[in-house]
């Protein structure tokens, strides 16, 4: 499976116990949704985007939001150490479908952004995820970058069919980037 059709789940942080169990640091909003994982795709080499499937025999969600897993055929600490620090992925089609104004960040890349006052302001180049909140990085027709915070107050409509997001930007925000 190729990495473009998957989403990042987290990474293996350390070996746990003598039977080769691993601790996964999950990079998700709701860790409890992953407590019954049956398999994961592991990126063995950062220079290579290929992913290798591994089947999971047991999982246990820990109090700190991490997940302890036992991978089939990994039975020793040495075997498990080879998997520490590796990125984990799952296929995009395993994500539940979102509706309304909810969306996954990867889903809205290349969506056109329409402001209530300014009209079309450009296309989403990427979503920048910061600890306090996420931001749309929009590139307008002149190649200028416009940064818009992703908040419920700003986003008024997400139209998946037309690949557009309608916003009501705070007064003066867009002008800052166009001057």
C-alpha atoms as a PDB file:
ATOM      1  CA  UNK A   1       0.000   0.000   0.000  1.00  0.00           C
ATOM      2  CA  UNK A   2       1.321   3.466  -0.770  1.00  0.00           C
ATOM      3  CA  UNK A   3       1.579   6.221   1.779  1.00  0.00           C
ATOM      4  CA  UNK A   4      -0.621   8.662  -0.206  1.00  0.00           C
ATOM      5  CA  UNK A   5      -3.692   6.487   0.419  1.00  0.00           C
ATOM      6  CA  UNK A   6      -3.060   6.345   4.181  1.00  0.00           C
ATOM      7  CA  UNK A   7      -3.120   8.589   7.214  1.00  0.00           C
ATOM      8  CA  UNK A   8      -0.559   8.922   9.979  1.00  0.00           C
ATOM      9  CA  UNK A   9      -1.572   7.087  13.150  1.00  0.00           C
ATOM     10  CA  UNK A  10       1.493   7.598  15.353  1.00  0.00           C
ATOM     11  CA  UNK A  11       4.828   5.933  16.037  1.00  0.00           C
ATOM     12  CA  UNK A  12       6.299   3.122  18.071  1.00  0.00           C
ATOM     13  CA  UNK A  13       8.053   4.661  21.058  1.00  0.00           C
ATOM     14  CA  UNK A  14       9.502   1.721  22.984  1.00  0.00           C
ATOM     15  CA  UNK A  15       9.487  -1.985  23.732  1.00  0.00           C
ATOM     16  CA  UNK A  16       7.357  -3.119  26.658  1.00  0.00           C
ATOM     17  CA  UNK A  17       7.942  -6.421  28.431  1.00  0.00           C
ATOM     18  CA  UNK A  18       9.935  -9.481  27.407  1.00  0.00           C
ATOM     19  CA  UNK A  19       7.535 -10.808  24.750  1.00  0.00           C
ATOM     20  CA  UNK A  20       8.235  -8.031  22.259  1.00  0.00           C
ATOM     21  CA  UNK A  21       5.216  -5.836  22.938  1.00  0.00           C
ATOM     22  CA  UNK A  22       5.414  -2.246  21.707  1.00  0.00           C
ATOM     23  CA  UNK A  23       4.097   1.071  22.966  1.00  0.00           C
ATOM     24  CA  UNK A  24       2.514   3.294  20.317  1.00  0.00           C
ATOM     25  CA  UNK A  25       2.240   7.053  20.758  1.00  0.00           C
ATOM     26  CA  UNK A  26      -1.024   7.798  18.974  1.00  0.00           C
ATOM     27  CA  UNK A  27      -1.408  11.081  17.099  1.00  0.00           C
ATOM     28  CA  UNK A  28      -5.209  11.058  17.130  1.00  0.00           C
ATOM     29  CA  UNK A  29      -8.015  12.953  18.825  1.00  0.00           C
ATOM     30  CA  UNK A  30      -9.752   9.881  20.259  1.00  0.00           C
ATOM     31  CA  UNK A  31      -7.269   7.129  21.243  1.00  0.00           C
ATOM     32  CA  UNK A  32     -10.089   4.873  22.480  1.00  0.00           C
ATOM     33  CA  UNK A  33     -11.227   4.419  18.866  1.00  0.00           C
ATOM     34  CA  UNK A  34      -8.027   2.452  18.201  1.00  0.00           C
ATOM     35  CA  UNK A  35      -8.124   0.051  21.139  1.00  0.00           C
ATOM     36  CA  UNK A  36      -9.208  -2.850  18.895  1.00  0.00           C
ATOM     37  CA  UNK A  37      -6.692  -2.444  16.071  1.00  0.00           C
ATOM     38  CA  UNK A  38      -6.225  -5.602  14.037  1.00  0.00           C
ATOM     39  CA  UNK A  39      -3.359  -4.405  11.853  1.00  0.00           C
ATOM     40  CA  UNK A  40      -1.144  -1.435  11.071  1.00  0.00           C
ATOM     41  CA  UNK A  41       1.039  -0.340   8.192  1.00  0.00           C
ATOM     42  CA  UNK A  42       4.603   0.459   9.223  1.00  0.00           C
ATOM     43  CA  UNK A  43       7.033   2.658   7.328  1.00  0.00           C
ATOM     44  CA  UNK A  44      10.315   0.859   7.857  1.00  0.00           C
ATOM     45  CA  UNK A  45      12.532   3.427   6.132  1.00  0.00           C
ATOM     46  CA  UNK A  46      12.001   7.221   6.139  1.00  0.00           C
ATOM     47  CA  UNK A  47      13.555   7.522   2.666  1.00  0.00           C
ATOM     48  CA  UNK A  48      11.052   5.017   1.286  1.00  0.00           C
ATOM     49  CA  UNK A  49       7.300   5.629   1.219  1.00  0.00           C
ATOM     50  CA  UNK A  50       6.376   1.968   1.060  1.00  0.00           C
ATOM     51  CA  UNK A  51       4.414   0.524   3.952  1.00  0.00           C
ATOM     52  CA  UNK A  52       4.505  -3.010   5.328  1.00  0.00           C
ATOM     53  CA  UNK A  53       1.418  -4.553   6.952  1.00  0.00           C
ATOM     54  CA  UNK A  54       1.724  -6.061  10.434  1.00  0.00           C
ATOM     55  CA  UNK A  55      -1.067  -7.966  12.155  1.00  0.00           C
ATOM     56  CA  UNK A  56      -1.814  -7.337  15.813  1.00  0.00           C
ATOM     57  CA  UNK A  57      -2.788 -10.103  18.221  1.00  0.00           C
ATOM     58  CA  UNK A  58      -3.514  -7.974  21.326  1.00  0.00           C
ATOM     59  CA  UNK A  59      -3.974  -4.315  22.200  1.00  0.00           C
ATOM     60  CA  UNK A  60      -4.336  -2.445  25.456  1.00  0.00           C
ATOM     61  CA  UNK A  61      -5.127   1.253  25.745  1.00  0.00           C
ATOM     62  CA  UNK A  62      -3.032   2.757  28.533  1.00  0.00           C
ATOM     63  CA  UNK A  63      -4.028   5.661  30.805  1.00  0.00           C
ATOM     64  CA  UNK A  64      -1.770   8.179  29.061  1.00  0.00           C
ATOM     65  CA  UNK A  65      -3.435   7.687  25.656  1.00  0.00           C
ATOM     66  CA  UNK A  66      -0.761   5.352  24.368  1.00  0.00           C
ATOM     67  CA  UNK A  67      -1.493   1.888  23.059  1.00  0.00           C
ATOM     68  CA  UNK A  68       0.367  -1.297  23.986  1.00  0.00           C
ATOM     69  CA  UNK A  69       0.310  -3.812  21.139  1.00  0.00           C
ATOM     70  CA  UNK A  70       1.579  -7.308  20.457  1.00  0.00           C
ATOM     71  CA  UNK A  71       2.402  -7.884  16.796  1.00  0.00           C
ATOM     72  CA  UNK A  72       2.092 -11.414  15.397  1.00  0.00           C
ATOM     73  CA  UNK A  73       5.475 -13.148  14.986  1.00  0.00           C
ATOM     74  CA  UNK A  74       7.350 -10.513  17.024  1.00  0.00           C
ATOM     75  CA  UNK A  75       8.198 -12.506  20.140  1.00  0.00           C
ATOM     76  CA  UNK A  76      11.442 -11.088  21.539  1.00  0.00           C
ATOM     77  CA  UNK A  77      12.759  -7.753  22.719  1.00  0.00           C
ATOM     78  CA  UNK A  78      15.355  -7.765  19.914  1.00  0.00           C
ATOM     79  CA  UNK A  79      12.699  -8.309  17.230  1.00  0.00           C
ATOM     80  CA  UNK A  80      10.580  -5.522  18.695  1.00  0.00           C
ATOM     81  CA  UNK A  81      13.542  -3.105  18.949  1.00  0.00           C
ATOM     82  CA  UNK A  82      13.777  -3.172  15.139  1.00  0.00           C
ATOM     83  CA  UNK A  83      10.312  -1.562  15.067  1.00  0.00           C
ATOM     84  CA  UNK A  84      10.923   1.203  17.648  1.00  0.00           C
ATOM     85  CA  UNK A  85      10.750   4.720  16.239  1.00  0.00           C
ATOM     86  CA  UNK A  86       8.815   3.658  13.146  1.00  0.00           C
ATOM     87  CA  UNK A  87       5.815   5.567  11.801  1.00  0.00           C
ATOM     88  CA  UNK A  88       2.447   3.820  11.728  1.00  0.00           C
ATOM     89  CA  UNK A  89      -0.310   4.379   9.189  1.00  0.00           C
ATOM     90  CA  UNK A  90      -3.821   3.164   8.414  1.00  0.00           C
ATOM     91  CA  UNK A  91      -5.721   3.286   5.096  1.00  0.00           C
ATOM     92  CA  UNK A  92      -7.740   6.463   4.515  1.00  0.00           C
ATOM     93  CA  UNK A  93     -10.852   4.396   3.843  1.00  0.00           C
ATOM     94  CA  UNK A  94     -10.867   3.305   7.504  1.00  0.00           C
ATOM     95  CA  UNK A  95     -11.630   6.862   8.627  1.00  0.00           C
ATOM     96  CA  UNK A  96     -15.299   7.479   9.387  1.00  0.00           C
ATOM     97  CA  UNK A  97     -16.950   9.825   6.866  1.00  0.00           C
ATOM     98  CA  UNK A  98     -17.464  13.329   8.210  1.00  0.00           C
ATOM     99  CA  UNK A  99     -20.392  15.510   7.282  1.00  0.00           C
ATOM    100  CA  UNK A 100     -21.352  19.152   7.536  1.00  0.00           C
ATOM    101  CA  UNK A 101     -18.533  21.529   8.386  1.00  0.00           C
ATOM    102  CA  UNK A 102     -16.351  18.800   9.899  1.00  0.00           C
ATOM    103  CA  UNK A 103     -13.419  17.617   7.781  1.00  0.00           C
ATOM    104  CA  UNK A 104     -10.082  15.896   7.893  1.00  0.00           C
ATOM    105  CA  UNK A 105      -7.139  18.148   7.113  1.00  0.00           C
ATOM    106  CA  UNK A 106      -5.914  15.985   4.242  1.00  0.00           C
ATOM    107  CA  UNK A 107      -9.410  16.037   2.727  1.00  0.00           C
ATOM    108  CA  UNK A 108      -9.531  19.810   2.060  1.00  0.00           C
ATOM    109  CA  UNK A 109      -6.148  20.333   0.393  1.00  0.00           C
ATOM    110  CA  UNK A 110      -6.820  21.987  -3.008  1.00  0.00           C
ATOM    111  CA  UNK A 111     -10.318  23.087  -1.960  1.00  0.00           C
ATOM    112  CA  UNK A 112     -11.147  26.612  -3.121  1.00  0.00           C
ATOM    113  CA  UNK A 113     -11.791  29.125  -0.319  1.00  0.00           C
ATOM    114  CA  UNK A 114     -14.589  31.642  -0.781  1.00  0.00           C
ATOM    115  CA  UNK A 115     -14.857  34.601   1.579  1.00  0.00           C
ATOM    116  CA  UNK A 116     -18.250  36.215   2.218  1.00  0.00           C
ATOM    117  CA  UNK A 117     -16.871  39.704   1.444  1.00  0.00           C
ATOM    118  CA  UNK A 118     -13.889  39.077  -0.884  1.00  0.00           C
ATOM    119  CA  UNK A 119     -15.197  36.156  -2.963  1.00  0.00           C
ATOM    120  CA  UNK A 120     -12.642  33.583  -4.132  1.00  0.00           C
ATOM    121  CA  UNK A 121      -9.373  34.063  -2.261  1.00  0.00           C
ATOM    122  CA  UNK A 122      -7.428  30.995  -3.410  1.00  0.00           C
ATOM    123  CA  UNK A 123      -6.856  27.274  -2.889  1.00  0.00           C
ATOM    124  CA  UNK A 124      -5.780  25.492   0.268  1.00  0.00           C
ATOM    125  CA  UNK A 125      -2.149  24.484  -0.148  1.00  0.00           C
ATOM    126  CA  UNK A 126      -1.895  22.732   3.208  1.00  0.00           C
ATOM    127  CA  UNK A 127      -3.230  22.753   6.737  1.00  0.00           C
ATOM    128  CA  UNK A 128      -0.726  23.869   9.373  1.00  0.00           C
ATOM    129  CA  UNK A 129      -1.443  22.129  12.668  1.00  0.00           C
ATOM    130  CA  UNK A 130      -0.248  24.194  15.615  1.00  0.00           C
ATOM    131  CA  UNK A 131      -0.781  23.316  19.287  1.00  0.00           C
ATOM    132  CA  UNK A 132      -3.332  26.089  19.839  1.00  0.00           C
ATOM    133  CA  UNK A 133      -5.254  25.667  16.567  1.00  0.00           C
ATOM    134  CA  UNK A 134      -4.904  24.769  12.906  1.00  0.00           C
ATOM    135  CA  UNK A 135      -4.527  27.207  10.017  1.00  0.00           C
ATOM    136  CA  UNK A 136      -5.366  27.037   6.314  1.00  0.00           C
ATOM    137  CA  UNK A 137      -2.397  28.005   4.157  1.00  0.00           C
ATOM    138  CA  UNK A 138      -4.089  29.403   1.064  1.00  0.00           C
ATOM    139  CA  UNK A 139      -2.297  30.399  -2.139  1.00  0.00           C
ATOM    140  CA  UNK A 140      -4.143  33.013  -4.210  1.00  0.00           C
ATOM    141  CA  UNK A 141      -3.975  33.449  -8.000  1.00  0.00           C
ATOM    142  CA  UNK A 142      -0.989  35.819  -7.638  1.00  0.00           C
ATOM    143  CA  UNK A 143       0.925  33.194  -5.642  1.00  0.00           C
ATOM    144  CA  UNK A 144       0.555  35.074  -2.361  1.00  0.00           C
ATOM    145  CA  UNK A 145       0.125  33.138   0.860  1.00  0.00           C
ATOM    146  CA  UNK A 146      -2.929  33.834   3.027  1.00  0.00           C
ATOM    147  CA  UNK A 147      -3.245  32.250   6.476  1.00  0.00           C
ATOM    148  CA  UNK A 148      -6.731  31.741   7.895  1.00  0.00           C
ATOM    149  CA  UNK A 149      -7.395  30.173  11.328  1.00  0.00           C
ATOM    150  CA  UNK A 150      -9.678  27.142  11.281  1.00  0.00           C
ATOM    151  CA  UNK A 151     -12.488  27.984  13.684  1.00  0.00           C
ATOM    152  CA  UNK A 152     -16.225  27.353  13.765  1.00  0.00           C
ATOM    153  CA  UNK A 153     -16.788  31.118  13.698  1.00  0.00           C
ATOM    154  CA  UNK A 154     -14.833  31.572  10.449  1.00  0.00           C
ATOM    155  CA  UNK A 155     -15.865  28.465   8.482  1.00  0.00           C
ATOM    156  CA  UNK A 156     -19.485  28.808   7.387  1.00  0.00           C
ATOM    157  CA  UNK A 157     -19.824  25.938   4.880  1.00  0.00           C
ATOM    158  CA  UNK A 158     -17.856  22.965   3.549  1.00  0.00           C
ATOM    159  CA  UNK A 159     -19.030  21.739   0.142  1.00  0.00           C
ATOM    160  CA  UNK A 160     -17.306  18.449  -0.693  1.00  0.00           C
ATOM    161  CA  UNK A 161     -19.048  18.103  -4.035  1.00  0.00           C
ATOM    162  CA  UNK A 162     -17.804  21.466  -5.340  1.00  0.00           C
ATOM    163  CA  UNK A 163     -14.552  21.274  -3.330  1.00  0.00           C
ATOM    164  CA  UNK A 164     -15.135  24.663  -1.734  1.00  0.00           C
ATOM    165  CA  UNK A 165     -15.024  26.088   1.762  1.00  0.00           C
ATOM    166  CA  UNK A 166     -16.952  29.247   2.520  1.00  0.00           C
ATOM    167  CA  UNK A 167     -15.592  31.514   5.230  1.00  0.00           C
ATOM    168  CA  UNK A 168     -16.304  34.805   6.906  1.00  0.00           C
ATOM    169  CA  UNK A 169     -12.829  36.140   7.618  1.00  0.00           C
ATOM    170  CA  UNK A 170     -12.355  38.699  10.390  1.00  0.00           C
ATOM    171  CA  UNK A 171     -12.299  42.234   9.056  1.00  0.00           C
ATOM    172  CA  UNK A 172      -8.880  43.185   7.668  1.00  0.00           C
ATOM    173  CA  UNK A 173      -7.335  39.702   7.908  1.00  0.00           C
ATOM    174  CA  UNK A 174      -7.157  38.956   4.183  1.00  0.00           C
ATOM    175  CA  UNK A 175      -5.979  42.489   3.350  1.00  0.00           C
ATOM    176  CA  UNK A 176      -2.899  42.008   5.566  1.00  0.00           C
ATOM    177  CA  UNK A 177      -1.624  39.370   3.153  1.00  0.00           C
ATOM    178  CA  UNK A 178      -2.528  41.183  -0.061  1.00  0.00           C
ATOM    179  CA  UNK A 179      -0.789  44.501   0.679  1.00  0.00           C
END
